[in-house]
C-alpha atoms as a PDB file:
ATOM      1  CA  UNK A   1       0.077   0.143  -0.015  1.00  0.00           C
ATOM      2  CA  UNK A   2       2.835   2.499   1.115  1.00  0.00           C
ATOM      3  CA  UNK A   3       4.357   1.785  -2.453  1.00  0.00           C
ATOM      4  CA  UNK A   4       1.598   2.251  -4.395  1.00  0.00           C
ATOM      5  CA  UNK A   5       1.101   5.751  -2.830  1.00  0.00           C
ATOM      6  CA  UNK A   6       4.697   6.644  -3.233  1.00  0.00           C
ATOM      7  CA  UNK A   7       5.565   6.841   0.375  1.00  0.00           C
ATOM      8  CA  UNK A   8       9.099   5.796   1.732  1.00  0.00           C
ATOM      9  CA  UNK A   9       8.908   3.195   4.279  1.00  0.00           C
ATOM     10  CA  UNK A  10      11.921   4.495   5.990  1.00  0.00           C
ATOM     11  CA  UNK A  11      10.485   7.981   6.299  1.00  0.00           C
ATOM     12  CA  UNK A  12       6.790   7.531   6.976  1.00  0.00           C
ATOM     13  CA  UNK A  13       5.034  10.552   8.018  1.00  0.00           C
ATOM     14  CA  UNK A  14       3.152  10.224  11.437  1.00  0.00           C
ATOM     15  CA  UNK A  15      -0.014   9.473  10.326  1.00  0.00           C
ATOM     16  CA  UNK A  16       0.935   6.290   8.241  1.00  0.00           C
ATOM     17  CA  UNK A  17       2.722   4.915  11.601  1.00  0.00           C
ATOM     18  CA  UNK A  18       1.201   2.432  14.181  1.00  0.00           C
ATOM     19  CA  UNK A  19      -1.819   0.406  14.442  1.00  0.00           C
ATOM     20  CA  UNK A  20      -4.452   3.173  13.728  1.00  0.00           C
ATOM     21  CA  UNK A  21      -3.760   3.325   9.869  1.00  0.00           C
ATOM     22  CA  UNK A  22      -3.880  -0.460   9.941  1.00  0.00           C
ATOM     23  CA  UNK A  23      -7.223  -0.544  11.291  1.00  0.00           C
ATOM     24  CA  UNK A  24      -8.616   2.334   8.931  1.00  0.00           C
ATOM     25  CA  UNK A  25      -7.421   0.191   6.075  1.00  0.00           C
ATOM     26  CA  UNK A  26      -8.839  -2.838   7.673  1.00  0.00           C
ATOM     27  CA  UNK A  27     -12.327  -1.178   7.877  1.00  0.00           C
ATOM     28  CA  UNK A  28     -12.100  -0.595   3.959  1.00  0.00           C
ATOM     29  CA  UNK A  29     -12.114  -4.208   3.734  1.00  0.00           C
ATOM     30  CA  UNK A  30     -14.436  -4.990   6.314  1.00  0.00           C
ATOM     31  CA  UNK A  31     -17.023  -2.327   5.872  1.00  0.00           C
ATOM     32  CA  UNK A  32     -16.693  -1.306   2.396  1.00  0.00           C
ATOM     33  CA  UNK A  33     -15.850  -4.838   1.083  1.00  0.00           C
ATOM     34  CA  UNK A  34     -12.708  -4.171  -0.926  1.00  0.00           C
ATOM     35  CA  UNK A  35     -10.275  -6.755  -1.412  1.00  0.00           C
ATOM     36  CA  UNK A  36      -6.527  -6.061  -0.993  1.00  0.00           C
ATOM     37  CA  UNK A  37      -5.846  -5.852  -4.694  1.00  0.00           C
ATOM     38  CA  UNK A  38      -8.757  -3.282  -5.082  1.00  0.00           C
ATOM     39  CA  UNK A  39      -7.748  -1.040  -2.313  1.00  0.00           C
ATOM     40  CA  UNK A  40      -4.044  -1.014  -3.807  1.00  0.00           C
ATOM     41  CA  UNK A  41      -5.493  -0.208  -7.584  1.00  0.00           C
ATOM     42  CA  UNK A  42      -7.642   2.403  -6.238  1.00  0.00           C
ATOM     43  CA  UNK A  43      -4.611   3.963  -4.056  1.00  0.00           C
ATOM     44  CA  UNK A  44      -2.453   3.894  -7.148  1.00  0.00           C
ATOM     45  CA  UNK A  45      -5.092   5.412  -9.346  1.00  0.00           C
ATOM     46  CA  UNK A  46      -5.672   8.159  -6.540  1.00  0.00           C
ATOM     47  CA  UNK A  47      -2.200   9.289  -7.223  1.00  0.00           C
ATOM     48  CA  UNK A  48      -2.867  10.018 -11.194  1.00  0.00           C
ATOM     49  CA  UNK A  49      -5.159  12.805  -9.750  1.00  0.00           C
ATOM     50  CA  UNK A  50      -3.257  14.075  -6.725  1.00  0.00           C
ATOM     51  CA  UNK A  51       0.482  14.039  -7.405  1.00  0.00           C
ATOM     52  CA  UNK A  52       1.308  14.195  -3.719  1.00  0.00           C
ATOM     53  CA  UNK A  53       0.893  11.238  -1.313  1.00  0.00           C
ATOM     54  CA  UNK A  54      -2.170  11.587   0.873  1.00  0.00           C
ATOM     55  CA  UNK A  55      -1.861  12.960   4.409  1.00  0.00           C
ATOM     56  CA  UNK A  56      -3.049   9.707   5.924  1.00  0.00           C
ATOM     57  CA  UNK A  57      -5.742   6.830   5.114  1.00  0.00           C
ATOM     58  CA  UNK A  58      -8.409   8.836   5.999  1.00  0.00           C
ATOM     59  CA  UNK A  59      -7.833  11.104   3.090  1.00  0.00           C
ATOM     60  CA  UNK A  60      -8.524   8.190   0.712  1.00  0.00           C
ATOM     61  CA  UNK A  61     -11.847   7.474   2.610  1.00  0.00           C
ATOM     62  CA  UNK A  62     -14.031   9.195  -0.210  1.00  0.00           C
ATOM     63  CA  UNK A  63     -11.915   7.339  -3.131  1.00  0.00           C
ATOM     64  CA  UNK A  64     -12.667   4.054  -1.403  1.00  0.00           C
ATOM     65  CA  UNK A  65     -16.074   4.545  -0.905  1.00  0.00           C
ATOM     66  CA  UNK A  66     -16.625   5.521  -4.595  1.00  0.00           C
ATOM     67  CA  UNK A  67     -14.502   2.487  -5.675  1.00  0.00           C
ATOM     68  CA  UNK A  68     -16.715   0.171  -3.384  1.00  0.00           C
ATOM     69  CA  UNK A  69     -19.852   1.672  -4.714  1.00  0.00           C
ATOM     70  CA  UNK A  70     -18.581   1.226  -8.202  1.00  0.00           C
ATOM     71  CA  UNK A  71     -18.035  -2.444  -7.139  1.00  0.00           C
ATOM     72  CA  UNK A  72     -21.707  -3.038  -6.083  1.00  0.00           C
ATOM     73  CA  UNK A  73     -23.084  -1.462  -9.190  1.00  0.00           C
ATOM     74  CA  UNK A  74     -21.054  -3.419 -11.361  1.00  0.00           C
ATOM     75  CA  UNK A  75     -22.009  -7.113  -9.414  1.00  0.00           C
ATOM     76  CA  UNK A  76     -25.870  -5.522  -9.530  1.00  0.00           C
ATOM     77  CA  UNK A  77     -25.599  -5.231 -13.269  1.00  0.00           C
ATOM     78  CA  UNK A  78     -24.018  -8.650 -13.763  1.00  0.00           C
ATOM     79  CA  UNK A  79     -26.710  -9.924 -11.382  1.00  0.00           C
ATOM     80  CA  UNK A  80     -29.558  -7.915 -12.292  1.00  0.00           C
ATOM     81  CA  UNK A  81     -32.653 -10.171 -13.278  1.00  0.00           C
ATOM     82  CA  UNK A  82     -35.725  -9.078 -15.062  1.00  0.00           C
ATOM     83  CA  UNK A  83     -38.018  -7.049 -13.080  1.00  0.00           C
ATOM     84  CA  UNK A  84     -41.307  -8.972 -12.596  1.00  0.00           C
ATOM     85  CA  UNK A  85     -44.971  -7.141 -12.536  1.00  0.00           C
ATOM     86  CA  UNK A  86     -45.535  -5.654  -9.108  1.00  0.00           C
ATOM     87  CA  UNK A  87     -48.081  -7.398  -7.068  1.00  0.00           C
ATOM     88  CA  UNK A  88     -51.736  -6.086  -7.438  1.00  0.00           C
ATOM     89  CA  UNK A  89     -52.659  -3.504  -4.973  1.00  0.00           C
ATOM     90  CA  UNK A  90     -54.833  -4.515  -2.127  1.00  0.00           C
ATOM     91  CA  UNK A  91     -58.488  -3.836  -2.715  1.00  0.00           C
ATOM     92  CA  UNK A  92     -59.835  -1.007  -0.700  1.00  0.00           C
ATOM     93  CA  UNK A  93     -62.548  -1.729   1.905  1.00  0.00           C
ATOM     94  CA  UNK A  94     -65.669  -0.328   0.362  1.00  0.00           C
ATOM     95  CA  UNK A  95     -68.056  -1.637   2.820  1.00  0.00           C
ATOM     96  CA  UNK A  96     -67.073  -1.173   6.287  1.00  0.00           C
ATOM     97  CA  UNK A  97     -70.260  -2.560   8.294  1.00  0.00           C
ATOM     98  CA  UNK A  98     -69.927  -5.551   6.474  1.00  0.00           C
ATOM     99  CA  UNK A  99     -66.185  -5.875   7.223  1.00  0.00           C
ATOM    100  CA  UNK A 100     -66.786  -5.015  10.599  1.00  0.00           C
ATOM    101  CA  UNK A 101     -69.596  -7.447  10.988  1.00  0.00           C
ATOM    102  CA  UNK A 102     -67.400 -10.415   9.957  1.00  0.00           C
ATOM    103  CA  UNK A 103     -65.282  -9.537  12.830  1.00  0.00           C
ATOM    104  CA  UNK A 104     -68.056  -9.447  15.108  1.00  0.00           C
ATOM    105  CA  UNK A 105     -69.243 -12.528  14.213  1.00  0.00           C
ATOM    106  CA  UNK A 106     -66.099 -14.765  14.106  1.00  0.00           C
ATOM    107  CA  UNK A 107     -64.836 -16.044  17.358  1.00  0.00           C
ATOM    108  CA  UNK A 108     -61.524 -14.184  17.251  1.00  0.00           C
ATOM    109  CA  UNK A 109     -60.242 -11.600  19.776  1.00  0.00           C
ATOM    110  CA  UNK A 110     -61.996  -8.266  19.434  1.00  0.00           C
ATOM    111  CA  UNK A 111     -61.567  -5.252  21.802  1.00  0.00           C
ATOM    112  CA  UNK A 112     -64.623  -3.563  22.798  1.00  0.00           C
ATOM    113  CA  UNK A 113     -63.218  -0.394  21.848  1.00  0.00           C
ATOM    114  CA  UNK A 114     -63.055  -1.645  18.076  1.00  0.00           C
ATOM    115  CA  UNK A 115     -66.616  -0.935  17.034  1.00  0.00           C
ATOM    116  CA  UNK A 116     -67.822   2.623  17.647  1.00  0.00           C
ATOM    117  CA  UNK A 117     -71.645   3.146  18.192  1.00  0.00           C
ATOM    118  CA  UNK A 118     -71.906   4.522  14.892  1.00  0.00           C
ATOM    119  CA  UNK A 119     -70.801   1.159  13.302  1.00  0.00           C
ATOM    120  CA  UNK A 120     -72.794  -0.869  15.864  1.00  0.00           C
ATOM    121  CA  UNK A 121     -76.053   1.252  14.761  1.00  0.00           C
ATOM    122  CA  UNK A 122     -75.120   0.481  10.950  1.00  0.00           C
ATOM    123  CA  UNK A 123     -74.440  -3.023  11.313  1.00  0.00           C
ATOM    124  CA  UNK A 124     -77.666  -3.545  13.356  1.00  0.00           C
ATOM    125  CA  UNK A 125     -79.544  -1.524  10.666  1.00  0.00           C
ATOM    126  CA  UNK A 126     -78.514  -3.614   7.599  1.00  0.00           C
ATOM    127  CA  UNK A 127     -79.068  -6.813   9.629  1.00  0.00           C
ATOM    128  CA  UNK A 128     -75.594  -7.864   9.476  1.00  0.00           C
ATOM    129  CA  UNK A 129     -75.419  -8.807  13.400  1.00  0.00           C
ATOM    130  CA  UNK A 130     -77.862  -9.453  15.938  1.00  0.00           C
ATOM    131  CA  UNK A 131     -78.086  -7.590  19.021  1.00  0.00           C
ATOM    132  CA  UNK A 132     -77.413 -10.625  21.136  1.00  0.00           C
ATOM    133  CA  UNK A 133     -74.205 -11.303  19.206  1.00  0.00           C
ATOM    134  CA  UNK A 134     -73.054  -7.804  20.020  1.00  0.00           C
ATOM    135  CA  UNK A 135     -74.114  -8.278  23.999  1.00  0.00           C
ATOM    136  CA  UNK A 136     -71.735 -11.725  23.696  1.00  0.00           C
ATOM    137  CA  UNK A 137     -68.752  -9.947  22.327  1.00  0.00           C
ATOM    138  CA  UNK A 138     -69.135  -7.019  25.024  1.00  0.00           C
ATOM    139  CA  UNK A 139     -70.485  -4.102  22.653  1.00  0.00           C
ATOM    140  CA  UNK A 140     -72.784  -2.199  23.896  1.00  0.00           C
END
């Protein structure tokens, strides 16, 4: 990596010494998914636009992020499948009293607060439920 950037290992600047730059480069592999060869190639390519060596690994972050993005886009183009038709949208509920009547007449859980007085009156008025069934379910 240092050779690709044109840095002299005998006279390394402080920001390239020790474990912090190694951990930083490790993050490019772990978090961005770049291989060592891709990191070195990207570092070499970065020198074409910037003749001076970077001040540290953090100076190469954006370049590495762009390389990772290109890698993902290239991989996505290779694996991209033909898009299928989207699933049809769910039909909206147009008859609310009938919808709630099914719930009241079923044996599943029904919170008392689920049915308003107006909905109760609409279901009774259309004969969808009986007053006895509403009492059984705790709706008054």
